[in-house]
Amino acid sequence: MVPQSAPQALRAGHVFDGSQAHGPGIVLVENGLIRDVDLTGSVPPEHATVTDFGPDAWLLPGLVDAHVHLCWDAGPDAVDHVANGDSGALLDTARAAATTALHTGVTTVRDLGDRDYLALALRDQMPPTQRPEIVAAGPPITTRGGHCHFLGGEVEGADALREAVRQRAERGCDVVKVMASGGNMTPGSSPLARQYGLAELQLIVEEARRHGLSTAAHVHAAEAIGDVLDAGFDTLEHFSFLTADGAGLQHDLLDQVVQRGTFVSLTLGYLQGGELPSALAARIDALIDVMAKVVASGARIVVGTDAGIEPGKPHDIFPHALAQLAQLGMPAAKVLRSATAEAAEAVGLKGRKGVLRPGADADLLVVGSSPIADLGAITDIRAVYRAGNRLPRDDRA
């Protein structure tokens, strides 16, 4: 339950509503929701408590990271930690990760791979005003010995795949994550290889839709990208077109993505000066070229940081990811839309998150200057509101 509260009028010199920028405005918040957005410069209601952030400040919707791993500690042995740590330790990791992300203005995360459904446990145990909204996948579905098999999601065969989707729905997951190709961090797994055939992927999507769940596909190799597109997955994670000697975009597949309006979750955000994993370092120039072409194509792009999986991806990395998206050629205003309204739609929360409009959740970020003029302003945080409650500034993880 979100605590009941007196109406609050949040005033600033500028408002970005998830779609476009405006001049002075007031966002009226009550009982965890946005009651009204006034862009006319009117005087706040007499019964409201007014917080005026000043003429240079900007009010924005809370940010949405479309791909995180809360149970992963972003340490040098992150895989060992999540594979072999006890559930209590992993829940502590997830709690700290959620707190850290929230204090960067990320008020919604989509957790695309935990162990033992711990993201759901965290969602149940941690008060909503102290953590981001969590869109949870549980353990990702993978083949025996496949990518991230150590999370407990090994499933093969039609009946077992149907049961795996049903189990996630019954436990309260929101999205089904599938390792359609292999990955780099799992010994014996290759990002260049498919893990499931088209018929199996179609079965997963059909079963997920039957249970009201969305679908996300971890996918690197071009053949696997073609399969997940044909199967109808809602979001494509990574979308990297990896090859043995680098990465090579296939324009016919990108054209399909653009035509269908399928969301691409680009994996961005890495600490400057950090040491890239060898598999990534060898392909980095080719990957940057692919991502720049995806941005230029007009595809629907959201940012997924993969936060937690290694030291270069701590749980406060999202602002770096937005800066990198801009470096790939996306204008700042579009970056902000991608990180708010677009990302909210991608994770299944359209209209409820990522927008400042009546009826939406009162998740807001206040920064001290224009993020359109300089995206670095995203780190100049004056306030974060989660469900209408302002975070204390001295509560950082």
Protein backbone atom coordinates (compact mmCIF):
# COMPACT_ATOMS: atom_id res chain seq x y z
CA MET A 1 0.00 0.00 0.00
CA VAL A 2 1.19 3.51 -0.83
CA PRO A 3 0.82 5.83 2.20
CA GLN A 4 -2.03 8.33 1.91
CA SER A 5 -0.83 11.91 1.87
CA ALA A 6 -1.96 15.50 1.49
CA PRO A 7 -1.80 16.87 -2.07
CA GLN A 8 1.63 18.08 -3.14
CA ALA A 9 2.23 20.69 -5.82
CA LEU A 10 5.67 20.27 -7.41
CA ARG A 11 6.69 23.35 -9.37
CA ALA A 12 9.64 23.92 -11.69
CA GLY A 13 10.71 26.19 -14.53
CA HIS A 14 10.51 23.35 -17.05
CA VAL A 15 8.58 20.10 -17.51
CA PHE A 16 9.38 17.12 -19.73
CA ASP A 17 6.23 15.00 -19.78
CA GLY A 18 7.66 11.85 -21.38
CA SER A 19 7.00 13.13 -24.89
CA GLN A 20 8.02 16.76 -25.13
CA ALA A 21 9.44 19.69 -23.18
CA HIS A 22 7.38 22.55 -21.80
CA GLY A 23 7.99 25.75 -19.89
CA PRO A 24 6.97 26.37 -16.28
CA GLY A 25 4.62 23.82 -14.81
CA ILE A 26 3.10 22.29 -11.71
CA VAL A 27 2.57 18.57 -11.13
CA LEU A 28 -0.10 17.89 -8.53
CA VAL A 29 0.48 14.63 -6.64
CA GLU A 30 -1.92 12.87 -4.29
CA ASN A 31 -2.02 9.35 -2.84
CA GLY A 32 0.80 8.08 -5.01
CA LEU A 33 -0.68 9.26 -8.30
CA ILE A 34 -0.48 12.33 -10.50
CA ARG A 35 -3.76 14.19 -10.14
CA ASP A 36 -3.03 17.01 -12.59
CA VAL A 37 -0.32 18.61 -14.71
CA ASP A 38 -0.70 22.37 -15.09
CA LEU A 39 1.38 23.98 -17.82
CA THR A 40 -0.47 27.30 -17.76
CA GLY A 41 1.48 28.92 -14.94
CA SER A 42 -1.53 28.94 -12.65
CA VAL A 43 -1.27 29.33 -8.89
CA PRO A 44 -1.18 25.97 -7.02
CA PRO A 45 -4.35 24.89 -5.21
CA GLU A 46 -4.62 26.40 -1.72
CA HIS A 47 -4.95 23.00 -0.06
CA ALA A 48 -1.69 21.67 -1.57
CA THR A 49 1.77 21.66 -0.05
CA VAL A 50 3.99 23.48 -2.54
CA THR A 51 7.59 22.54 -3.33
CA ASP A 52 9.15 25.01 -5.76
CA PHE A 53 12.38 23.75 -7.30
CA GLY A 54 13.10 27.04 -9.05
CA PRO A 55 13.16 28.44 -12.60
CA ASP A 56 16.14 26.37 -13.79
CA ALA A 57 14.86 23.00 -12.55
CA TRP A 58 13.21 20.35 -14.71
CA LEU A 59 10.46 17.92 -13.71
CA LEU A 60 10.62 14.58 -15.56
CA PRO A 61 9.01 11.17 -15.26
CA GLY A 62 11.11 8.63 -13.39
CA LEU A 63 13.51 6.73 -15.63
CA VAL A 64 12.99 3.12 -16.79
CA ASP A 65 15.87 0.63 -17.17
CA ALA A 66 14.55 -2.16 -19.39
CA HIS A 67 17.17 -4.80 -18.49
CA VAL A 68 18.79 -5.27 -15.08
CA HIS A 69 19.84 -8.12 -12.79
CA LEU A 70 19.20 -7.09 -9.19
CA CYS A 71 20.59 -10.29 -7.64
CA TRP A 72 23.95 -9.77 -9.35
CA ASP A 73 26.44 -7.73 -7.35
CA ALA A 74 28.50 -6.17 -10.19
CA GLY A 75 31.60 -7.67 -8.61
CA PRO A 76 34.55 -9.45 -10.22
CA ASP A 77 32.92 -12.80 -9.36
CA ALA A 78 29.32 -11.84 -10.09
CA VAL A 79 28.51 -15.18 -11.74
CA ASP A 80 29.84 -17.18 -8.79
CA HIS A 81 27.97 -14.92 -6.39
CA VAL A 82 24.61 -15.43 -8.06
CA ALA A 83 25.19 -19.11 -8.83
CA ASN A 84 26.43 -20.20 -5.41
CA GLY A 85 25.42 -17.52 -2.90
CA ASP A 86 22.69 -18.37 -0.43
CA SER A 87 19.28 -16.85 -1.02
CA GLY A 88 19.57 -14.46 1.92
CA ALA A 89 22.80 -12.98 0.59
CA LEU A 90 21.32 -12.61 -2.88
CA LEU A 91 18.25 -10.91 -1.48
CA ASP A 92 20.53 -8.46 0.35
CA THR A 93 22.34 -7.82 -2.94
CA ALA A 94 19.04 -7.19 -4.70
CA ARG A 95 17.86 -4.84 -1.97
CA ALA A 96 21.04 -2.76 -2.20
CA ALA A 97 20.89 -2.77 -6.01
CA ALA A 98 17.29 -1.57 -6.03
CA THR A 99 18.09 1.24 -3.61
CA THR A 100 21.09 2.33 -5.65
CA ALA A 101 19.12 2.39 -8.90
CA LEU A 102 16.28 4.35 -7.32
CA HIS A 103 18.60 7.09 -6.13
CA THR A 104 19.81 7.66 -9.69
CA GLY A 105 16.23 8.44 -10.73
CA VAL A 106 15.48 4.95 -12.10
CA THR A 107 12.02 4.39 -10.67
CA THR A 108 11.20 1.28 -12.76
CA VAL A 109 13.40 -1.69 -13.62
CA ARG A 110 12.75 -4.84 -15.59
CA ASP A 111 14.68 -7.68 -13.98
CA LEU A 112 15.46 -10.16 -16.73
CA GLY A 113 17.20 -12.90 -14.82
CA ASP A 114 17.28 -13.80 -11.15
CA ARG A 115 17.67 -17.02 -9.18
CA ASP A 116 14.94 -18.61 -7.10
CA TYR A 117 12.45 -15.88 -8.13
CA LEU A 118 14.18 -13.52 -5.70
CA ALA A 119 13.12 -10.39 -7.60
CA LEU A 120 9.55 -11.36 -6.73
CA ALA A 121 10.52 -11.88 -3.11
CA LEU A 122 12.13 -8.44 -3.05
CA ARG A 123 9.02 -6.91 -4.58
CA ASP A 124 6.90 -8.46 -1.82
CA GLN A 125 9.23 -7.59 1.06
CA MET A 126 10.47 -4.10 0.25
CA PRO A 127 8.04 -1.17 0.54
CA PRO A 128 7.19 0.27 -2.90
CA THR A 129 8.32 3.75 -1.87
CA GLN A 130 11.81 2.42 -1.08
CA ARG A 131 12.50 0.59 -4.34
CA PRO A 132 11.82 0.93 -8.04
CA GLU A 133 8.79 -0.70 -9.60
CA ILE A 134 10.05 -4.20 -10.48
CA VAL A 135 8.91 -5.95 -13.65
CA ALA A 136 10.13 -9.49 -13.04
CA ALA A 137 11.00 -12.46 -15.25
CA GLY A 138 12.31 -14.94 -12.69
CA PRO A 139 14.96 -17.39 -13.92
CA PRO A 140 15.40 -17.06 -17.69
CA ILE A 141 14.34 -20.04 -19.77
CA THR A 142 17.41 -21.72 -21.24
CA THR A 143 18.55 -25.08 -22.55
CA ARG A 144 20.35 -27.73 -20.47
CA GLY A 145 23.81 -26.34 -19.87
CA GLY A 146 22.79 -23.25 -21.85
CA HIS A 147 23.45 -19.59 -21.20
CA CYS A 148 22.86 -18.75 -17.51
CA HIS A 149 21.72 -22.31 -16.76
CA PHE A 150 23.01 -21.79 -13.21
CA LEU A 151 19.97 -19.59 -12.50
CA GLY A 152 17.76 -22.68 -12.59
CA GLY A 153 15.75 -22.13 -15.76
CA GLU A 154 16.88 -25.13 -17.85
CA VAL A 155 13.92 -26.32 -19.93
CA GLU A 156 13.64 -28.43 -23.07
CA GLY A 157 10.71 -30.03 -24.87
CA ALA A 158 7.29 -28.63 -25.71
CA ASP A 159 5.46 -29.81 -22.59
CA ALA A 160 8.23 -28.61 -20.28
CA LEU A 161 8.33 -25.22 -22.00
CA ARG A 162 4.58 -24.77 -21.55
CA GLU A 163 4.89 -25.74 -17.89
CA ALA A 164 7.79 -23.29 -17.39
CA VAL A 165 5.69 -20.41 -18.72
CA ARG A 166 2.69 -21.47 -16.63
CA GLN A 167 4.84 -21.66 -13.51
CA ARG A 168 6.14 -18.13 -14.04
CA ALA A 169 2.63 -16.83 -14.49
CA GLU A 170 1.42 -18.54 -11.32
CA ARG A 171 4.32 -17.15 -9.30
CA GLY A 172 3.51 -13.60 -10.40
CA CYS A 173 6.12 -12.90 -13.07
CA ASP A 174 5.31 -10.21 -15.62
CA VAL A 175 7.54 -11.27 -18.50
CA VAL A 176 9.08 -14.45 -19.87
CA LYS A 177 12.79 -14.14 -20.63
CA VAL A 178 14.25 -16.66 -23.09
CA MET A 179 17.85 -17.27 -24.04
CA ALA A 180 17.30 -17.62 -27.77
CA SER A 181 21.04 -17.66 -28.37
CA GLY A 182 24.00 -18.45 -26.18
CA GLY A 183 26.04 -15.86 -24.32
CA ASN A 184 29.56 -14.91 -23.39
CA MET A 185 29.60 -15.36 -19.62
CA THR A 186 28.61 -19.05 -19.54
CA PRO A 187 31.38 -21.60 -20.22
CA GLY A 188 30.45 -23.83 -23.14
CA SER A 189 27.87 -21.37 -24.46
CA SER A 190 28.31 -19.36 -27.65
CA PRO A 191 26.46 -16.17 -28.56
CA LEU A 192 26.78 -17.26 -32.19
CA ALA A 193 24.60 -20.36 -31.68
CA ARG A 194 20.83 -20.77 -31.44
CA GLN A 195 19.49 -22.40 -28.30
CA TYR A 196 15.91 -23.01 -29.42
CA GLY A 197 14.29 -23.59 -32.79
CA LEU A 198 11.56 -21.44 -34.29
CA ALA A 199 8.74 -23.82 -33.31
CA GLU A 200 9.85 -23.79 -29.66
CA LEU A 201 10.11 -20.00 -29.60
CA GLN A 202 6.64 -19.68 -31.12
CA LEU A 203 5.27 -22.03 -28.49
CA ILE A 204 6.77 -19.92 -25.71
CA VAL A 205 5.30 -16.70 -27.11
CA GLU A 206 1.86 -18.25 -27.59
CA GLU A 207 1.84 -19.68 -24.07
CA ALA A 208 3.04 -16.41 -22.56
CA ARG A 209 0.29 -14.47 -24.31
CA ARG A 210 -2.27 -16.98 -23.12
CA HIS A 211 -1.21 -16.19 -19.55
CA GLY A 212 -1.04 -12.44 -20.13
CA LEU A 213 2.76 -12.23 -19.99
CA SER A 214 5.08 -10.32 -22.29
CA THR A 215 8.23 -11.86 -23.79
CA ALA A 216 11.87 -10.84 -24.01
CA ALA A 217 14.53 -12.66 -26.02
CA HIS A 218 18.26 -12.59 -25.29
CA VAL A 219 19.58 -12.69 -28.83
CA HIS A 220 22.94 -12.08 -30.47
CA ALA A 221 23.39 -14.15 -33.65
CA ALA A 222 21.57 -13.10 -36.82
CA GLU A 223 19.89 -16.48 -37.30
CA ALA A 224 18.46 -16.32 -33.80
CA ILE A 225 17.33 -12.73 -34.37
CA GLY A 226 15.36 -13.89 -37.39
CA ASP A 227 13.73 -16.65 -35.33
CA VAL A 228 12.63 -14.39 -32.46
CA LEU A 229 11.20 -11.89 -34.92
CA ASP A 230 9.19 -14.61 -36.62
CA ALA A 231 8.07 -15.93 -33.24
CA GLY A 232 6.75 -12.48 -32.26
CA PHE A 233 8.76 -11.59 -29.16
CA ASP A 234 7.94 -8.22 -27.62
CA THR A 235 11.50 -7.05 -27.00
CA LEU A 236 14.85 -8.05 -28.46
CA GLU A 237 17.64 -7.88 -25.89
CA HIS A 238 21.15 -6.96 -27.12
CA PHE A 239 20.32 -7.26 -30.87
CA SER A 240 24.03 -7.29 -31.60
CA PHE A 241 24.40 -9.38 -34.80
CA LEU A 242 27.57 -11.00 -33.47
CA THR A 243 29.76 -12.95 -35.86
CA ALA A 244 32.94 -14.97 -35.36
CA ASP A 245 35.09 -12.00 -36.36
CA GLY A 246 33.01 -9.10 -35.06
CA ALA A 247 29.44 -8.02 -35.75
CA GLY A 248 27.60 -7.60 -39.02
CA LEU A 249 24.22 -5.96 -39.33
CA GLN A 250 21.67 -7.69 -41.54
CA HIS A 251 19.56 -4.91 -42.99
CA ASP A 252 16.63 -7.12 -43.91
CA LEU A 253 16.16 -8.07 -40.26
CA LEU A 254 16.52 -4.48 -39.12
CA ASP A 255 13.92 -3.45 -41.71
CA GLN A 256 11.50 -6.01 -40.24
CA VAL A 257 12.06 -4.62 -36.76
CA VAL A 258 11.31 -1.09 -37.94
CA GLN A 259 8.21 -2.15 -39.89
CA ARG A 260 6.78 -4.19 -37.02
CA GLY A 261 7.57 -1.62 -34.35
CA THR A 262 9.31 -4.25 -32.22
CA PHE A 263 11.28 -2.83 -29.33
CA VAL A 264 15.06 -3.19 -29.39
CA SER A 265 16.70 -3.08 -25.97
CA LEU A 266 20.24 -1.93 -26.68
CA THR A 267 22.78 -2.94 -24.05
CA LEU A 268 24.53 0.27 -23.06
CA GLY A 269 26.21 1.69 -20.00
CA TYR A 270 29.76 0.85 -19.04
CA LEU A 271 32.04 2.68 -16.65
CA GLN A 272 34.63 4.76 -18.44
CA GLY A 273 38.11 3.42 -17.88
CA GLY A 274 36.81 -0.02 -16.98
CA GLU A 275 38.28 -3.11 -18.55
CA LEU A 276 35.93 -4.58 -21.12
CA PRO A 277 35.48 -8.37 -21.14
CA SER A 278 37.73 -9.89 -23.81
CA ALA A 279 34.81 -11.17 -25.92
CA LEU A 280 33.34 -7.66 -26.02
CA ALA A 281 36.63 -5.80 -26.43
CA ALA A 282 37.44 -7.80 -29.56
CA ARG A 283 34.18 -6.71 -31.18
CA ILE A 284 33.64 -3.26 -29.72
CA ASP A 285 34.20 -1.21 -32.89
CA ALA A 286 31.89 -3.46 -34.90
CA LEU A 287 29.26 -3.39 -32.15
CA ILE A 288 29.32 0.41 -32.00
CA ASP A 289 28.85 0.52 -35.76
CA VAL A 290 25.87 -1.84 -35.57
CA MET A 291 24.24 0.13 -32.76
CA ALA A 292 24.73 3.44 -34.55
CA LYS A 293 23.00 2.01 -37.62
CA VAL A 294 20.14 0.68 -35.50
CA VAL A 295 19.70 4.14 -33.98
CA ALA A 296 19.73 5.77 -37.42
CA SER A 297 17.13 3.30 -38.73
CA GLY A 298 14.30 4.72 -36.65
CA ALA A 299 13.76 1.47 -34.74
CA ARG A 300 12.00 1.73 -31.38
CA ILE A 301 14.94 1.72 -28.99
CA VAL A 302 15.04 1.48 -25.23
CA VAL A 303 18.04 1.14 -22.96
CA GLY A 304 18.82 -1.99 -20.99
CA THR A 305 22.02 -1.70 -18.98
CA ASP A 306 22.45 -5.36 -17.92
CA ALA A 307 23.35 -3.80 -14.58
CA GLY A 308 24.95 -6.17 -12.10
CA ILE A 309 26.64 -8.67 -14.37
CA GLU A 310 30.22 -7.36 -14.00
CA PRO A 311 32.26 -4.55 -12.40
CA GLY A 312 31.78 -2.20 -15.35
CA LYS A 313 28.01 -2.36 -14.87
CA PRO A 314 27.10 -1.23 -11.35
CA HIS A 315 23.51 -0.52 -10.50
CA ASP A 316 23.92 3.25 -10.90
CA ILE A 317 25.09 2.98 -14.52
CA PHE A 318 21.90 4.17 -16.25
CA PRO A 319 22.96 7.83 -16.73
CA HIS A 320 26.11 6.62 -18.51
CA ALA A 321 23.93 4.49 -20.78
CA LEU A 322 21.85 7.50 -21.79
CA ALA A 323 24.99 9.48 -22.61
CA GLN A 324 26.20 6.60 -24.78
CA LEU A 325 22.88 6.44 -26.60
CA ALA A 326 23.30 10.13 -27.45
CA GLN A 327 26.85 9.43 -28.67
CA LEU A 328 25.37 6.89 -31.09
CA GLY A 329 23.45 9.71 -32.75
CA MET A 330 20.13 9.94 -30.90
CA PRO A 331 19.07 13.53 -30.06
CA ALA A 332 18.75 14.29 -26.35
CA ALA A 333 14.98 14.80 -26.42
CA LYS A 334 14.53 11.43 -28.08
CA VAL A 335 16.89 9.83 -25.55
CA LEU A 336 14.62 11.13 -22.79
CA ARG A 337 11.52 9.74 -24.52
CA SER A 338 13.32 6.42 -24.93
CA ALA A 339 14.17 6.33 -21.22
CA THR A 340 10.66 7.25 -20.06
CA ALA A 341 7.47 6.80 -22.11
CA GLU A 342 8.95 4.43 -24.69
CA ALA A 343 10.66 2.25 -22.10
CA ALA A 344 7.50 2.12 -20.01
CA GLU A 345 5.60 0.80 -23.01
CA ALA A 346 8.35 -1.72 -23.77
CA VAL A 347 8.17 -3.21 -20.27
CA GLY A 348 4.37 -3.35 -20.26
CA LEU A 349 3.56 -0.23 -18.23
CA LYS A 350 2.37 2.18 -20.91
CA GLY A 351 0.50 5.14 -19.48
CA ARG A 352 1.25 4.18 -15.91
CA LYS A 353 4.99 4.87 -15.87
CA GLY A 354 7.27 7.14 -17.87
CA VAL A 355 4.76 9.97 -18.31
CA LEU A 356 3.57 13.02 -16.41
CA ARG A 357 -0.17 13.03 -16.89
CA PRO A 358 -3.26 12.61 -14.70
CA GLY A 359 -3.71 9.06 -13.48
CA ALA A 360 -0.08 7.99 -13.92
CA ASP A 361 2.01 6.85 -10.98
CA ALA A 362 3.74 9.73 -9.22
CA ASP A 363 7.28 8.58 -10.00
CA LEU A 364 9.27 11.72 -10.79
CA LEU A 365 12.81 12.96 -11.19
CA VAL A 366 13.81 16.57 -10.60
CA VAL A 367 17.12 17.83 -12.03
CA GLY A 368 18.76 21.21 -11.72
CA SER A 369 19.20 22.15 -15.38
CA SER A 370 18.15 21.17 -18.88
CA PRO A 371 18.83 17.53 -19.81
CA ILE A 372 17.95 18.43 -23.39
CA ALA A 373 20.76 20.97 -23.58
CA ASP A 374 23.09 18.57 -21.75
CA LEU A 375 22.15 14.98 -20.87
CA GLY A 376 24.68 15.17 -18.08
CA ALA A 377 22.05 17.15 -16.17
CA ILE A 378 20.38 13.78 -15.43
CA THR A 379 22.99 13.35 -12.69
CA ASP A 380 22.25 16.79 -11.19
CA ILE A 381 19.45 15.33 -9.09
CA ARG A 382 17.44 17.63 -6.86
CA ALA A 383 14.76 15.10 -5.91
CA VAL A 384 13.41 11.64 -6.70
CA TYR A 385 9.78 10.78 -5.98
CA ARG A 386 8.54 7.22 -5.86
CA ALA A 387 4.77 6.79 -5.63
CA GLY A 388 4.53 10.40 -4.52
CA ASN A 389 7.06 10.03 -1.72
CA ARG A 390 10.27 12.02 -1.88
CA LEU A 391 13.40 10.00 -1.21
CA PRO A 392 15.59 11.27 1.62
CA ARG A 393 18.93 12.46 0.26
CA ASP A 394 20.92 10.70 2.99
CA ASP A 395 19.52 7.21 2.23
CA ARG A 396 21.90 6.23 -0.57
CA ALA A 397 23.17 2.65 -0.83
